[in-house]
Amino acid sequence: MEHAPRDRRIRRSQQLLQNALLVLLKEKRYEDISVQEIIERADVARSTFYVHYVDKDDLLTGTHGIFAENLDQQLTAHSAQLGASAFSSQTWFYHIQAQGDILKVIAKDSAMELAMKTLRGMIHRSVQEGMQAHKQTDQDAHIMPLTLLEDYLADTLMTLIKWWFRDGMKKTPEQMDAIFQQLVMPGISAVLSKQTG
C-alpha cells in the first residue's frame, strides 16, 4: 500500500504531460513543439519530464506515452473477452477506435507517421509472440519462412487500419476483423497446415 501515493503522483505527472502535448498539438505542428513548451504547459519541473520520458517522441508513442495509453488493458481485456488468437485483429481495431480522438488531432502531422510506425512495431511483436507455436524445423523453412508470414500479417493489418481511419472508422472493429480474416486466414491456415502436417 505504501507505493499507492507514489504511483498516483507518477500517473498524475504523466497525465499532465500527455494533456499538455495534446493541447499543443491542437495549436501547432508536432515538429514545432518543444519539450520546454510541454513542460510549461503542464506546469511541471523539467526534471519531472525526464523522469518519465526520454523526449517528446517517447511522450507520444513510448511505453507510457499517449498513443500506448491503455493498450495493455485493451489487449488483455479483448484477448480474454474474445478468446483472441495470434491472428485476431479485433483487439487492434478496438485500440485504434479508443485512440480515435488523438489520431484525428495528429492526422495531418508528422506525429501520425510516428504513431503508425510505433503501432506497426507493436503489432509485429504481438504476431511474433503468437507465431511461437508454429516454430519451424530446418526442413520446413523452405516452404514459407515464419518471418515472412509475420511481416505479411503485420503489414496487412496496418493497411486495413490506415484504410479504416481514412474512411472515418465507419465499420465496427468486428466488421474490420471479419475483413482481415477473409483476406489472410485462408492462405495462412493453408501454409501452416502444410508446415505442421
N, C-alpha and C. Protein backbone atom coordinates (compact mmCIF):
# COMPACT_ATOMS: atom_id res chain seq x y z
N MET A 1 0.82 -1.21 0.00
CA MET A 1 0.00 0.00 0.00
C MET A 1 0.85 1.26 0.00
N GLU A 2 2.11 1.16 0.52
CA GLU A 2 2.92 2.35 0.64
C GLU A 2 3.29 2.93 -0.72
N HIS A 3 3.16 2.12 -1.78
CA HIS A 3 3.50 2.61 -3.13
C HIS A 3 2.34 3.38 -3.77
N ALA A 4 1.14 3.27 -3.23
CA ALA A 4 -0.03 3.88 -3.86
C ALA A 4 0.10 5.39 -4.05
N PRO A 5 0.49 6.17 -3.03
CA PRO A 5 0.63 7.63 -3.24
C PRO A 5 1.66 7.96 -4.30
N ARG A 6 2.81 7.21 -4.29
CA ARG A 6 3.85 7.44 -5.29
C ARG A 6 3.33 7.12 -6.69
N ASP A 7 2.62 5.99 -6.81
CA ASP A 7 2.05 5.60 -8.10
C ASP A 7 1.07 6.65 -8.61
N ARG A 8 0.29 7.20 -7.69
CA ARG A 8 -0.66 8.25 -8.08
C ARG A 8 0.06 9.50 -8.57
N ARG A 9 1.17 9.83 -7.90
CA ARG A 9 1.96 11.01 -8.31
C ARG A 9 2.56 10.80 -9.70
N ILE A 10 3.08 9.59 -9.91
CA ILE A 10 3.66 9.26 -11.22
C ILE A 10 2.59 9.38 -12.30
N ARG A 11 1.45 8.77 -12.04
CA ARG A 11 0.35 8.78 -13.02
C ARG A 11 -0.12 10.21 -13.28
N ARG A 12 -0.20 11.01 -12.21
CA ARG A 12 -0.65 12.39 -12.35
C ARG A 12 0.34 13.20 -13.21
N SER A 13 1.62 13.02 -12.96
CA SER A 13 2.64 13.74 -13.74
C SER A 13 2.59 13.34 -15.21
N GLN A 14 2.45 12.05 -15.46
CA GLN A 14 2.36 11.58 -16.84
C GLN A 14 1.12 12.14 -17.52
N GLN A 15 0.01 12.17 -16.79
CA GLN A 15 -1.24 12.69 -17.34
C GLN A 15 -1.12 14.18 -17.67
N LEU A 16 -0.49 14.94 -16.79
CA LEU A 16 -0.30 16.38 -17.03
C LEU A 16 0.52 16.60 -18.31
N LEU A 17 1.58 15.82 -18.47
CA LEU A 17 2.44 15.96 -19.64
C LEU A 17 1.73 15.52 -20.92
N GLN A 18 0.99 14.43 -20.84
CA GLN A 18 0.23 13.96 -22.00
C GLN A 18 -0.83 14.99 -22.42
N ASN A 19 -1.55 15.51 -21.45
CA ASN A 19 -2.58 16.51 -21.75
C ASN A 19 -1.97 17.76 -22.36
N ALA A 20 -0.81 18.16 -21.84
CA ALA A 20 -0.14 19.36 -22.36
C ALA A 20 0.23 19.18 -23.83
N LEU A 21 0.77 18.00 -24.17
CA LEU A 21 1.13 17.75 -25.57
C LEU A 21 -0.10 17.72 -26.45
N LEU A 22 -1.17 17.11 -25.99
CA LEU A 22 -2.40 17.06 -26.79
C LEU A 22 -2.97 18.44 -27.05
N VAL A 23 -2.93 19.30 -26.05
CA VAL A 23 -3.41 20.68 -26.22
C VAL A 23 -2.54 21.42 -27.23
N LEU A 24 -1.23 21.25 -27.10
CA LEU A 24 -0.30 21.91 -28.03
C LEU A 24 -0.47 21.40 -29.46
N LEU A 25 -0.78 20.11 -29.60
CA LEU A 25 -0.99 19.55 -30.95
C LEU A 25 -2.20 20.16 -31.65
N LYS A 26 -3.14 20.68 -30.89
CA LYS A 26 -4.30 21.35 -31.49
C LYS A 26 -3.95 22.76 -31.95
N GLU A 27 -2.81 23.26 -31.45
CA GLU A 27 -2.41 24.64 -31.75
C GLU A 27 -1.31 24.73 -32.82
N LYS A 28 -0.46 23.72 -32.88
CA LYS A 28 0.68 23.79 -33.81
C LYS A 28 1.13 22.41 -34.23
N ARG A 29 2.02 22.38 -35.22
CA ARG A 29 2.52 21.11 -35.74
C ARG A 29 3.43 20.44 -34.72
N TYR A 30 3.43 19.11 -34.75
CA TYR A 30 4.23 18.33 -33.82
C TYR A 30 5.70 18.73 -33.85
N GLU A 31 6.26 18.87 -35.06
CA GLU A 31 7.68 19.20 -35.17
C GLU A 31 8.03 20.58 -34.62
N ASP A 32 7.01 21.44 -34.45
CA ASP A 32 7.26 22.79 -33.93
C ASP A 32 7.10 22.88 -32.41
N ILE A 33 6.75 21.76 -31.79
CA ILE A 33 6.55 21.75 -30.33
C ILE A 33 7.84 21.33 -29.65
N SER A 34 8.26 22.10 -28.67
CA SER A 34 9.48 21.76 -27.92
C SER A 34 9.13 21.15 -26.57
N VAL A 35 10.09 20.44 -26.01
CA VAL A 35 9.91 19.87 -24.67
C VAL A 35 9.64 20.99 -23.67
N GLN A 36 10.34 22.12 -23.84
CA GLN A 36 10.15 23.25 -22.93
C GLN A 36 8.70 23.73 -22.94
N GLU A 37 8.10 23.79 -24.11
CA GLU A 37 6.69 24.22 -24.19
C GLU A 37 5.77 23.23 -23.48
N ILE A 38 6.07 21.94 -23.64
CA ILE A 38 5.26 20.92 -22.98
C ILE A 38 5.36 21.07 -21.46
N ILE A 39 6.58 21.27 -20.98
CA ILE A 39 6.82 21.43 -19.54
C ILE A 39 6.07 22.65 -19.00
N GLU A 40 6.17 23.76 -19.73
CA GLU A 40 5.49 24.99 -19.29
C GLU A 40 3.98 24.81 -19.29
N ARG A 41 3.45 24.17 -20.33
CA ARG A 41 2.00 23.98 -20.41
C ARG A 41 1.52 23.03 -19.31
N ALA A 42 2.33 22.03 -18.99
CA ALA A 42 1.96 21.07 -17.94
C ALA A 42 2.19 21.64 -16.54
N ASP A 43 3.02 22.69 -16.48
CA ASP A 43 3.38 23.32 -15.21
C ASP A 43 4.07 22.31 -14.27
N VAL A 44 5.09 21.65 -14.85
CA VAL A 44 5.91 20.72 -14.05
C VAL A 44 7.38 21.10 -14.24
N ALA A 45 8.22 20.57 -13.36
CA ALA A 45 9.65 20.83 -13.47
C ALA A 45 10.24 20.06 -14.65
N ARG A 46 11.32 20.59 -15.21
CA ARG A 46 11.99 19.93 -16.34
C ARG A 46 12.43 18.52 -15.93
N SER A 47 12.94 18.40 -14.71
CA SER A 47 13.40 17.09 -14.23
C SER A 47 12.25 16.09 -14.19
N THR A 48 11.04 16.56 -13.92
CA THR A 48 9.87 15.67 -13.88
C THR A 48 9.63 15.06 -15.25
N PHE A 49 9.76 15.88 -16.30
CA PHE A 49 9.57 15.36 -17.66
C PHE A 49 10.55 14.21 -17.92
N TYR A 50 11.82 14.43 -17.60
CA TYR A 50 12.84 13.45 -17.94
C TYR A 50 12.86 12.23 -17.01
N VAL A 51 12.17 12.31 -15.90
CA VAL A 51 11.98 11.13 -15.06
C VAL A 51 11.08 10.12 -15.78
N HIS A 52 10.11 10.68 -16.55
CA HIS A 52 9.10 9.83 -17.18
C HIS A 52 9.36 9.56 -18.66
N TYR A 53 9.96 10.51 -19.36
CA TYR A 53 10.10 10.40 -20.81
C TYR A 53 11.50 10.82 -21.28
N VAL A 54 11.95 10.17 -22.34
CA VAL A 54 13.26 10.48 -22.91
C VAL A 54 13.18 11.78 -23.71
N ASP A 55 12.10 11.91 -24.50
CA ASP A 55 11.89 13.09 -25.35
C ASP A 55 10.42 13.15 -25.71
N LYS A 56 10.05 14.07 -26.59
CA LYS A 56 8.62 14.21 -26.91
C LYS A 56 8.10 13.02 -27.72
N ASP A 57 8.97 12.35 -28.49
CA ASP A 57 8.54 11.14 -29.20
C ASP A 57 8.13 10.06 -28.21
N ASP A 58 8.90 9.94 -27.14
CA ASP A 58 8.60 8.98 -26.09
C ASP A 58 7.28 9.32 -25.40
N LEU A 59 7.04 10.61 -25.23
CA LEU A 59 5.78 11.07 -24.63
C LEU A 59 4.60 10.73 -25.54
N LEU A 60 4.80 10.80 -26.84
CA LEU A 60 3.72 10.50 -27.78
C LEU A 60 3.52 9.00 -27.97
N THR A 61 4.63 8.27 -28.18
CA THR A 61 4.48 6.87 -28.60
C THR A 61 5.23 5.85 -27.75
N GLY A 62 5.85 6.28 -26.67
CA GLY A 62 6.59 5.36 -25.81
C GLY A 62 5.68 4.44 -25.01
N THR A 63 6.29 3.59 -24.23
CA THR A 63 5.56 2.61 -23.43
C THR A 63 4.52 3.25 -22.52
N HIS A 64 4.85 4.43 -21.99
CA HIS A 64 3.92 5.14 -21.10
C HIS A 64 3.43 6.43 -21.76
N GLY A 65 3.47 6.45 -23.09
CA GLY A 65 3.07 7.64 -23.82
C GLY A 65 1.59 7.66 -24.19
N ILE A 66 1.22 8.72 -24.87
CA ILE A 66 -0.19 8.96 -25.22
C ILE A 66 -0.75 7.84 -26.08
N PHE A 67 -0.02 7.47 -27.13
CA PHE A 67 -0.57 6.51 -28.08
C PHE A 67 -0.71 5.11 -27.50
N ALA A 68 0.19 4.77 -26.58
CA ALA A 68 0.14 3.44 -25.98
C ALA A 68 -0.78 3.40 -24.77
N GLU A 69 -1.38 4.54 -24.45
CA GLU A 69 -2.25 4.64 -23.28
C GLU A 69 -3.32 3.54 -23.31
N ASN A 70 -3.38 2.81 -22.26
CA ASN A 70 -4.39 1.75 -22.09
C ASN A 70 -4.23 0.57 -23.06
N LEU A 71 -3.15 0.53 -23.83
CA LEU A 71 -3.00 -0.56 -24.80
C LEU A 71 -2.95 -1.92 -24.10
N ASP A 72 -2.15 -2.01 -23.02
CA ASP A 72 -2.05 -3.28 -22.32
C ASP A 72 -3.41 -3.73 -21.81
N GLN A 73 -4.18 -2.76 -21.28
CA GLN A 73 -5.52 -3.09 -20.78
C GLN A 73 -6.42 -3.54 -21.92
N GLN A 74 -6.30 -2.85 -23.06
CA GLN A 74 -7.11 -3.22 -24.23
C GLN A 74 -6.77 -4.64 -24.68
N LEU A 75 -5.48 -4.92 -24.78
CA LEU A 75 -5.06 -6.24 -25.25
C LEU A 75 -5.52 -7.33 -24.30
N THR A 76 -5.34 -7.09 -23.01
CA THR A 76 -5.73 -8.09 -22.01
C THR A 76 -7.24 -8.30 -22.02
N ALA A 77 -7.98 -7.18 -21.99
CA ALA A 77 -9.44 -7.26 -21.92
C ALA A 77 -10.03 -7.94 -23.14
N HIS A 78 -9.62 -7.48 -24.33
CA HIS A 78 -10.23 -8.03 -25.54
C HIS A 78 -9.74 -9.42 -25.87
N SER A 79 -8.49 -9.71 -25.53
CA SER A 79 -7.99 -11.06 -25.78
C SER A 79 -8.76 -12.06 -24.93
N ALA A 80 -8.98 -11.70 -23.66
CA ALA A 80 -9.71 -12.60 -22.77
C ALA A 80 -11.17 -12.69 -23.18
N GLN A 81 -11.73 -11.55 -23.51
CA GLN A 81 -13.16 -11.50 -23.86
C GLN A 81 -13.45 -12.24 -25.15
N LEU A 82 -12.55 -12.12 -26.11
CA LEU A 82 -12.82 -12.70 -27.43
C LEU A 82 -12.19 -14.07 -27.63
N GLY A 83 -11.37 -14.46 -26.67
CA GLY A 83 -10.60 -15.69 -26.88
C GLY A 83 -9.73 -15.51 -28.09
N ALA A 84 -9.11 -14.34 -28.21
CA ALA A 84 -8.40 -13.96 -29.42
C ALA A 84 -7.20 -14.86 -29.68
N SER A 85 -6.99 -15.19 -30.95
CA SER A 85 -5.84 -15.98 -31.34
C SER A 85 -4.73 -15.03 -31.75
N ALA A 86 -3.60 -15.61 -32.15
CA ALA A 86 -2.48 -14.79 -32.61
C ALA A 86 -2.87 -13.99 -33.84
N PHE A 87 -3.89 -14.45 -34.56
CA PHE A 87 -4.24 -13.81 -35.82
C PHE A 87 -5.50 -12.95 -35.71
N SER A 88 -5.98 -12.72 -34.50
CA SER A 88 -7.14 -11.86 -34.35
C SER A 88 -6.71 -10.41 -34.45
N SER A 89 -7.41 -9.65 -35.25
CA SER A 89 -7.08 -8.23 -35.40
C SER A 89 -8.04 -7.34 -34.62
N GLN A 90 -9.07 -7.94 -34.07
CA GLN A 90 -10.14 -7.16 -33.44
C GLN A 90 -9.62 -6.27 -32.31
N THR A 91 -8.71 -6.82 -31.50
CA THR A 91 -8.13 -6.06 -30.39
C THR A 91 -7.48 -4.78 -30.88
N TRP A 92 -6.77 -4.87 -32.00
CA TRP A 92 -6.07 -3.70 -32.53
C TRP A 92 -7.05 -2.66 -33.06
N PHE A 93 -8.14 -3.10 -33.67
CA PHE A 93 -9.15 -2.14 -34.13
C PHE A 93 -9.83 -1.46 -32.95
N TYR A 94 -10.03 -2.20 -31.86
CA TYR A 94 -10.57 -1.57 -30.65
C TYR A 94 -9.61 -0.51 -30.13
N HIS A 95 -8.31 -0.80 -30.17
CA HIS A 95 -7.32 0.16 -29.68
C HIS A 95 -7.34 1.44 -30.53
N ILE A 96 -7.39 1.26 -31.85
CA ILE A 96 -7.44 2.44 -32.74
C ILE A 96 -8.71 3.23 -32.49
N GLN A 97 -9.82 2.53 -32.29
CA GLN A 97 -11.08 3.21 -32.00
C GLN A 97 -10.97 4.05 -30.73
N ALA A 98 -10.32 3.47 -29.70
CA ALA A 98 -10.15 4.18 -28.43
C ALA A 98 -9.24 5.39 -28.58
N GLN A 99 -8.32 5.33 -29.55
CA GLN A 99 -7.38 6.43 -29.77
C GLN A 99 -7.85 7.37 -30.88
N GLY A 100 -9.08 7.19 -31.32
CA GLY A 100 -9.60 7.95 -32.47
C GLY A 100 -9.46 9.46 -32.34
N ASP A 101 -9.77 10.01 -31.18
CA ASP A 101 -9.70 11.47 -30.99
C ASP A 101 -8.27 11.97 -31.13
N ILE A 102 -7.33 11.22 -30.57
CA ILE A 102 -5.91 11.59 -30.67
C ILE A 102 -5.46 11.53 -32.12
N LEU A 103 -5.84 10.46 -32.81
CA LEU A 103 -5.43 10.30 -34.21
C LEU A 103 -5.99 11.41 -35.09
N LYS A 104 -7.20 11.87 -34.79
CA LYS A 104 -7.77 12.97 -35.57
C LYS A 104 -6.98 14.25 -35.39
N VAL A 105 -6.46 14.46 -34.17
CA VAL A 105 -5.66 15.66 -33.89
C VAL A 105 -4.36 15.63 -34.69
N ILE A 106 -3.74 14.43 -34.80
CA ILE A 106 -2.43 14.35 -35.45
C ILE A 106 -2.50 13.86 -36.89
N ALA A 107 -3.70 13.72 -37.43
CA ALA A 107 -3.89 13.09 -38.74
C ALA A 107 -3.05 13.71 -39.86
N LYS A 108 -2.87 15.02 -39.86
CA LYS A 108 -2.14 15.67 -40.96
C LYS A 108 -0.78 16.15 -40.48
N ASP A 109 -0.19 15.41 -39.58
CA ASP A 109 1.03 15.84 -38.93
C ASP A 109 2.06 14.72 -39.00
N SER A 110 3.33 15.08 -38.82
CA SER A 110 4.38 14.06 -38.79
C SER A 110 4.19 13.11 -37.62
N ALA A 111 3.45 13.55 -36.61
CA ALA A 111 3.18 12.70 -35.45
C ALA A 111 2.39 11.46 -35.86
N MET A 112 1.57 11.57 -36.88
CA MET A 112 0.77 10.42 -37.34
C MET A 112 1.68 9.32 -37.89
N GLU A 113 2.68 9.74 -38.64
CA GLU A 113 3.63 8.76 -39.20
C GLU A 113 4.36 8.04 -38.07
N LEU A 114 4.74 8.79 -37.05
CA LEU A 114 5.42 8.21 -35.90
C LEU A 114 4.50 7.23 -35.16
N ALA A 115 3.24 7.62 -34.99
CA ALA A 115 2.26 6.76 -34.30
C ALA A 115 2.04 5.47 -35.08
N MET A 116 1.94 5.56 -36.41
CA MET A 116 1.71 4.38 -37.23
C MET A 116 2.92 3.44 -37.23
N LYS A 117 4.11 4.05 -37.22
CA LYS A 117 5.34 3.25 -37.17
C LYS A 117 5.41 2.49 -35.84
N THR A 118 5.05 3.18 -34.78
CA THR A 118 5.04 2.57 -33.45
C THR A 118 4.02 1.44 -33.39
N LEU A 119 2.82 1.70 -33.94
CA LEU A 119 1.76 0.70 -33.94
C LEU A 119 2.19 -0.54 -34.71
N ARG A 120 2.85 -0.35 -35.83
CA ARG A 120 3.30 -1.48 -36.63
C ARG A 120 4.28 -2.34 -35.83
N GLY A 121 5.16 -1.69 -35.08
CA GLY A 121 6.10 -2.42 -34.24
C GLY A 121 5.39 -3.23 -33.16
N MET A 122 4.37 -2.63 -32.55
CA MET A 122 3.59 -3.33 -31.52
C MET A 122 2.88 -4.55 -32.10
N ILE A 123 2.27 -4.35 -33.27
CA ILE A 123 1.54 -5.45 -33.93
C ILE A 123 2.50 -6.56 -34.32
N HIS A 124 3.65 -6.17 -34.86
CA HIS A 124 4.63 -7.17 -35.30
C HIS A 124 5.10 -8.01 -34.12
N ARG A 125 5.38 -7.37 -32.98
CA ARG A 125 5.80 -8.11 -31.79
C ARG A 125 4.70 -9.07 -31.32
N SER A 126 3.46 -8.59 -31.37
CA SER A 126 2.33 -9.42 -30.95
C SER A 126 2.18 -10.64 -31.86
N VAL A 127 2.33 -10.43 -33.17
CA VAL A 127 2.24 -11.54 -34.13
C VAL A 127 3.38 -12.53 -33.91
N GLN A 128 4.59 -12.01 -33.67
CA GLN A 128 5.74 -12.88 -33.41
C GLN A 128 5.48 -13.80 -32.23
N GLU A 129 4.94 -13.21 -31.16
CA GLU A 129 4.64 -14.00 -29.96
C GLU A 129 3.61 -15.08 -30.28
N GLY A 130 2.61 -14.72 -31.06
CA GLY A 130 1.58 -15.69 -31.42
C GLY A 130 2.08 -16.79 -32.32
N MET A 131 3.11 -16.49 -33.11
CA MET A 131 3.64 -17.48 -34.06
C MET A 131 4.61 -18.46 -33.41
N GLN A 132 4.94 -18.24 -32.14
CA GLN A 132 5.89 -19.13 -31.47
C GLN A 132 5.40 -20.58 -31.47
N ALA A 133 4.09 -20.74 -31.53
CA ALA A 133 3.52 -22.09 -31.55
C ALA A 133 3.81 -22.82 -32.86
N HIS A 134 4.26 -22.07 -33.87
CA HIS A 134 4.48 -22.67 -35.19
C HIS A 134 5.96 -22.64 -35.56
N LYS A 135 6.81 -22.90 -34.58
CA LYS A 135 8.25 -22.89 -34.86
C LYS A 135 8.59 -23.92 -35.93
N GLN A 136 9.52 -23.52 -36.79
CA GLN A 136 9.86 -24.38 -37.93
C GLN A 136 11.08 -25.25 -37.66
N THR A 137 11.11 -26.33 -38.36
CA THR A 137 12.35 -27.10 -38.44
C THR A 137 13.09 -26.58 -39.67
N ASP A 138 14.37 -26.93 -39.80
CA ASP A 138 15.12 -26.51 -40.99
C ASP A 138 14.46 -27.03 -42.26
N GLN A 139 13.85 -28.20 -42.14
CA GLN A 139 13.19 -28.80 -43.30
C GLN A 139 11.99 -27.97 -43.75
N ASP A 140 11.28 -27.37 -42.77
CA ASP A 140 10.08 -26.58 -43.08
C ASP A 140 10.41 -25.22 -43.69
N ALA A 141 11.60 -24.70 -43.36
CA ALA A 141 11.91 -23.30 -43.67
C ALA A 141 11.80 -22.98 -45.16
N HIS A 142 12.05 -23.98 -46.03
CA HIS A 142 11.99 -23.69 -47.46
C HIS A 142 10.55 -23.52 -47.95
N ILE A 143 9.57 -24.00 -47.17
CA ILE A 143 8.17 -23.88 -47.59
C ILE A 143 7.70 -22.43 -47.48
N MET A 144 7.80 -21.87 -46.28
CA MET A 144 7.42 -20.48 -46.06
C MET A 144 8.06 -20.00 -44.76
N PRO A 145 9.02 -19.10 -44.83
CA PRO A 145 9.66 -18.62 -43.60
C PRO A 145 8.65 -17.92 -42.69
N LEU A 146 8.67 -18.24 -41.41
CA LEU A 146 7.73 -17.61 -40.47
C LEU A 146 7.93 -16.10 -40.39
N THR A 147 9.17 -15.65 -40.59
CA THR A 147 9.42 -14.21 -40.55
C THR A 147 8.65 -13.50 -41.68
N LEU A 148 8.53 -14.18 -42.82
CA LEU A 148 7.75 -13.61 -43.93
C LEU A 148 6.27 -13.56 -43.57
N LEU A 149 5.76 -14.62 -42.94
CA LEU A 149 4.36 -14.63 -42.52
C LEU A 149 4.08 -13.53 -41.50
N GLU A 150 5.02 -13.33 -40.57
CA GLU A 150 4.86 -12.29 -39.55
C GLU A 150 4.78 -10.90 -40.19
N ASP A 151 5.68 -10.64 -41.14
CA ASP A 151 5.65 -9.34 -41.84
C ASP A 151 4.36 -9.18 -42.63
N TYR A 152 3.94 -10.26 -43.28
CA TYR A 152 2.71 -10.22 -44.08
C TYR A 152 1.50 -9.89 -43.22
N LEU A 153 1.37 -10.56 -42.08
CA LEU A 153 0.23 -10.31 -41.19
C LEU A 153 0.25 -8.88 -40.65
N ALA A 154 1.43 -8.44 -40.19
CA ALA A 154 1.54 -7.09 -39.61
C ALA A 154 1.24 -6.03 -40.66
N ASP A 155 1.80 -6.19 -41.86
CA ASP A 155 1.61 -5.17 -42.91
C ASP A 155 0.18 -5.16 -43.44
N THR A 156 -0.44 -6.34 -43.54
CA THR A 156 -1.84 -6.39 -43.99
C THR A 156 -2.74 -5.69 -42.97
N LEU A 157 -2.50 -5.96 -41.70
CA LEU A 157 -3.29 -5.33 -40.66
C LEU A 157 -3.09 -3.81 -40.65
N MET A 158 -1.85 -3.37 -40.84
CA MET A 158 -1.59 -1.92 -40.90
C MET A 158 -2.30 -1.28 -42.09
N THR A 159 -2.32 -1.95 -43.23
CA THR A 159 -3.02 -1.43 -44.40
C THR A 159 -4.51 -1.25 -44.10
N LEU A 160 -5.10 -2.25 -43.44
CA LEU A 160 -6.52 -2.17 -43.08
C LEU A 160 -6.79 -1.07 -42.06
N ILE A 161 -5.92 -0.92 -41.08
CA ILE A 161 -6.09 0.12 -40.06
C ILE A 161 -6.05 1.50 -40.70
N LYS A 162 -5.08 1.72 -41.59
CA LYS A 162 -4.97 3.03 -42.25
C LYS A 162 -6.20 3.30 -43.12
N TRP A 163 -6.65 2.28 -43.85
CA TRP A 163 -7.85 2.45 -44.67
C TRP A 163 -9.05 2.78 -43.81
N TRP A 164 -9.20 2.06 -42.71
CA TRP A 164 -10.33 2.25 -41.79
C TRP A 164 -10.34 3.67 -41.24
N PHE A 165 -9.16 4.15 -40.85
CA PHE A 165 -9.08 5.51 -40.30
C PHE A 165 -9.44 6.55 -41.37
N ARG A 166 -8.88 6.37 -42.59
CA ARG A 166 -9.19 7.32 -43.67
C ARG A 166 -10.68 7.30 -44.03
N ASP A 167 -11.32 6.15 -43.85
CA ASP A 167 -12.73 6.00 -44.16
C ASP A 167 -13.63 6.51 -43.03
N GLY A 168 -13.02 7.07 -42.01
CA GLY A 168 -13.81 7.63 -40.92
C GLY A 168 -14.24 6.61 -39.89
N MET A 169 -13.61 5.44 -39.90
CA MET A 169 -13.92 4.36 -38.95
C MET A 169 -15.42 4.07 -38.89
N LYS A 170 -16.03 4.00 -40.08
CA LYS A 170 -17.48 3.74 -40.16
C LYS A 170 -17.82 2.30 -39.78
N LYS A 171 -16.92 1.38 -40.09
CA LYS A 171 -17.18 -0.03 -39.76
C LYS A 171 -16.79 -0.29 -38.31
N THR A 172 -17.39 -1.29 -37.71
CA THR A 172 -17.07 -1.65 -36.33
C THR A 172 -15.76 -2.45 -36.31
N PRO A 173 -15.12 -2.55 -35.14
CA PRO A 173 -13.94 -3.41 -35.04
C PRO A 173 -14.24 -4.84 -35.45
N GLU A 174 -15.45 -5.31 -35.15
CA GLU A 174 -15.84 -6.67 -35.53
C GLU A 174 -15.89 -6.83 -37.05
N GLN A 175 -16.43 -5.81 -37.72
CA GLN A 175 -16.50 -5.87 -39.19
C GLN A 175 -15.11 -5.82 -39.81
N MET A 176 -14.24 -5.00 -39.24
CA MET A 176 -12.88 -4.92 -39.77
C MET A 176 -12.12 -6.23 -39.53
N ASP A 177 -12.35 -6.85 -38.38
CA ASP A 177 -11.70 -8.13 -38.11
C ASP A 177 -12.19 -9.18 -39.11
N ALA A 178 -13.49 -9.14 -39.45
CA ALA A 178 -14.04 -10.09 -40.43
C ALA A 178 -13.36 -9.91 -41.79
N ILE A 179 -13.10 -8.66 -42.17
CA ILE A 179 -12.39 -8.38 -43.44
C ILE A 179 -10.98 -8.96 -43.38
N PHE A 180 -10.31 -8.70 -42.27
CA PHE A 180 -8.95 -9.23 -42.07
C PHE A 180 -8.94 -10.76 -42.18
N GLN A 181 -9.89 -11.40 -41.50
CA GLN A 181 -9.96 -12.86 -41.53
C GLN A 181 -10.18 -13.38 -42.96
N GLN A 182 -11.06 -12.70 -43.69
CA GLN A 182 -11.33 -13.11 -45.08
C GLN A 182 -10.10 -12.96 -45.96
N LEU A 183 -9.36 -11.88 -45.74
CA LEU A 183 -8.19 -11.59 -46.58
C LEU A 183 -7.03 -12.54 -46.33
N VAL A 184 -6.75 -12.82 -45.05
CA VAL A 184 -5.50 -13.50 -44.77
C VAL A 184 -5.61 -14.94 -44.28
N MET A 185 -6.69 -15.27 -43.57
CA MET A 185 -6.68 -16.55 -42.88
C MET A 185 -6.70 -17.79 -43.78
N PRO A 186 -7.43 -17.78 -44.90
CA PRO A 186 -7.38 -18.99 -45.75
C PRO A 186 -5.94 -19.34 -46.17
N GLY A 187 -5.21 -18.34 -46.62
CA GLY A 187 -3.82 -18.57 -47.05
C GLY A 187 -2.91 -18.94 -45.91
N ILE A 188 -3.03 -18.22 -44.79
CA ILE A 188 -2.18 -18.50 -43.63
C ILE A 188 -2.44 -19.90 -43.10
N SER A 189 -3.71 -20.26 -42.98
CA SER A 189 -4.06 -21.60 -42.48
C SER A 189 -3.50 -22.68 -43.38
N ALA A 190 -3.60 -22.46 -44.68
CA ALA A 190 -3.09 -23.46 -45.64
C ALA A 190 -1.57 -23.63 -45.49
N VAL A 191 -0.86 -22.52 -45.35
CA VAL A 191 0.60 -22.60 -45.21
C VAL A 191 0.98 -23.31 -43.92
N LEU A 192 0.34 -22.92 -42.82
CA LEU A 192 0.69 -23.51 -41.54
C LEU A 192 0.33 -24.99 -41.46
N SER A 193 -0.77 -25.38 -42.10
CA SER A 193 -1.15 -26.80 -42.08
C SER A 193 -0.13 -27.64 -42.84
N LYS A 194 0.45 -27.06 -43.90
CA LYS A 194 1.49 -27.78 -44.66
C LYS A 194 2.75 -27.93 -43.82
N GLN A 195 3.05 -26.89 -43.03
CA GLN A 195 4.30 -26.90 -42.28
C GLN A 195 4.20 -27.74 -41.01
N THR A 196 2.98 -27.91 -40.50
CA THR A 196 2.84 -28.70 -39.28
C THR A 196 2.31 -30.11 -39.57
N GLY A 197 1.93 -30.32 -40.84
CA GLY A 197 1.35 -31.60 -41.19
C GLY A 197 2.39 -32.68 -41.43
